[in-house]
Amino acid sequence: MRMQLELPNQNVKVVKYLMELANFKTYKELFNAALTVLYWCLNEVTSGRIIVSLDEQTGKYKELSMPAFQVATFQAHQAPGERAATAR
């Protein structure tokens, strides 16, 4: 599948920064890594877990919150028949 995106200049800068930081050579590498992380996060959230960043020295953590996580959690707690009705 071929995809084409139009991004604001600020997002292009972020994409290029992330590619440099992660040493990705292609947009495909970045996209595949992003899909992997999102897929893992959604599986964790729908299993009743939260995604956090932990400061091991202090034990403090910060939860990662995204609208997609809230939707996935809501849908995971619906009965199968309710999911179909909500998706329409």
Protein backbone atom coordinates (compact mmCIF):
# COMPACT_ATOMS: atom_id res chain seq x y z
CA MET A 1 0.00 0.00 0.00
CA ARG A 2 1.24 3.44 -0.79
CA MET A 3 0.32 6.35 1.50
CA GLN A 4 0.70 10.07 1.10
CA LEU A 5 0.51 12.56 3.96
CA GLU A 6 0.34 16.31 4.13
CA LEU A 7 1.86 17.61 7.37
CA PRO A 8 2.26 21.09 8.78
CA ASN A 9 5.87 22.32 8.78
CA GLN A 10 6.12 21.89 12.56
CA ASN A 11 5.19 18.21 12.27
CA VAL A 12 7.72 17.72 9.47
CA LYS A 13 10.40 19.04 11.82
CA VAL A 14 9.26 16.59 14.50
CA VAL A 15 9.32 13.68 12.01
CA LYS A 16 12.85 14.55 10.90
CA TYR A 17 13.99 14.98 14.51
CA LEU A 18 12.55 11.58 15.50
CA MET A 19 14.16 9.90 12.49
CA GLU A 20 17.52 11.38 13.42
CA LEU A 21 17.14 10.50 17.11
CA ALA A 22 16.20 6.88 16.36
CA ASN A 23 18.65 6.60 13.44
CA PHE A 24 15.88 5.70 11.00
CA LYS A 25 16.86 6.01 7.36
CA THR A 26 13.35 5.90 5.88
CA TYR A 27 9.87 7.10 6.66
CA LYS A 28 8.81 3.45 6.43
CA GLU A 29 11.07 2.58 9.39
CA LEU A 30 9.58 5.40 11.44
CA PHE A 31 6.01 4.46 10.51
CA ASN A 32 6.57 0.77 11.31
CA ALA A 33 8.09 1.62 14.70
CA ALA A 34 5.21 3.98 15.49
CA LEU A 35 2.67 1.29 14.53
CA THR A 36 4.44 -1.25 16.73
CA VAL A 37 4.36 1.04 19.75
CA LEU A 38 0.73 2.08 19.20
CA TYR A 39 -0.35 -1.54 18.71
CA TRP A 40 1.41 -2.59 21.93
CA CYS A 41 -0.05 0.35 23.88
CA LEU A 42 -3.60 -0.34 22.71
CA ASN A 43 -3.27 -4.04 23.60
CA GLU A 44 -2.04 -3.11 27.07
CA VAL A 45 -4.78 -0.52 27.64
CA THR A 46 -7.55 -2.83 26.47
CA SER A 47 -6.17 -5.46 28.87
CA GLY A 48 -6.75 -3.05 31.76
CA ARG A 49 -3.19 -1.76 32.11
CA ILE A 50 -1.90 1.80 32.01
CA ILE A 51 1.11 3.04 30.06
CA VAL A 52 3.56 4.98 32.22
CA SER A 53 7.02 6.47 32.28
CA LEU A 54 8.73 5.57 35.56
CA ASP A 55 11.50 7.50 37.30
CA GLU A 56 13.31 4.58 38.91
CA GLN A 57 15.14 6.80 41.40
CA THR A 58 12.05 8.41 42.89
CA GLY A 59 9.40 5.83 42.02
CA LYS A 60 7.28 8.61 40.53
CA TYR A 61 5.51 7.94 37.27
CA LYS A 62 3.62 9.81 34.60
CA GLU A 63 0.77 8.17 32.72
CA LEU A 64 0.62 8.40 28.94
CA SER A 65 -2.86 9.47 27.95
CA MET A 66 -4.19 9.64 24.42
CA PRO A 67 -7.78 9.87 23.15
CA ALA A 68 -7.28 6.56 21.32
CA PHE A 69 -6.58 4.86 24.66
CA GLN A 70 -9.85 6.10 26.11
CA VAL A 71 -11.85 4.89 23.10
CA ALA A 72 -10.09 1.51 23.13
CA THR A 73 -10.71 1.08 26.86
CA PHE A 74 -14.38 2.00 26.44
CA GLN A 75 -14.83 -0.44 23.57
CA ALA A 76 -12.99 -3.22 25.41
CA HIS A 77 -15.49 -3.02 28.26
CA GLN A 78 -18.58 -3.22 26.03
CA ALA A 79 -20.35 -6.45 25.21
CA PRO A 80 -19.72 -7.63 21.59
CA GLY A 81 -23.23 -6.56 20.44
CA GLU A 82 -22.77 -3.09 21.95
CA ARG A 83 -19.43 -2.64 20.10
CA ALA A 84 -21.08 -3.19 16.73
CA ALA A 85 -23.83 -0.67 17.52
CA THR A 86 -21.32 1.96 18.72
CA ALA A 87 -19.11 1.54 15.66
CA ARG A 88 -21.88 2.59 13.26
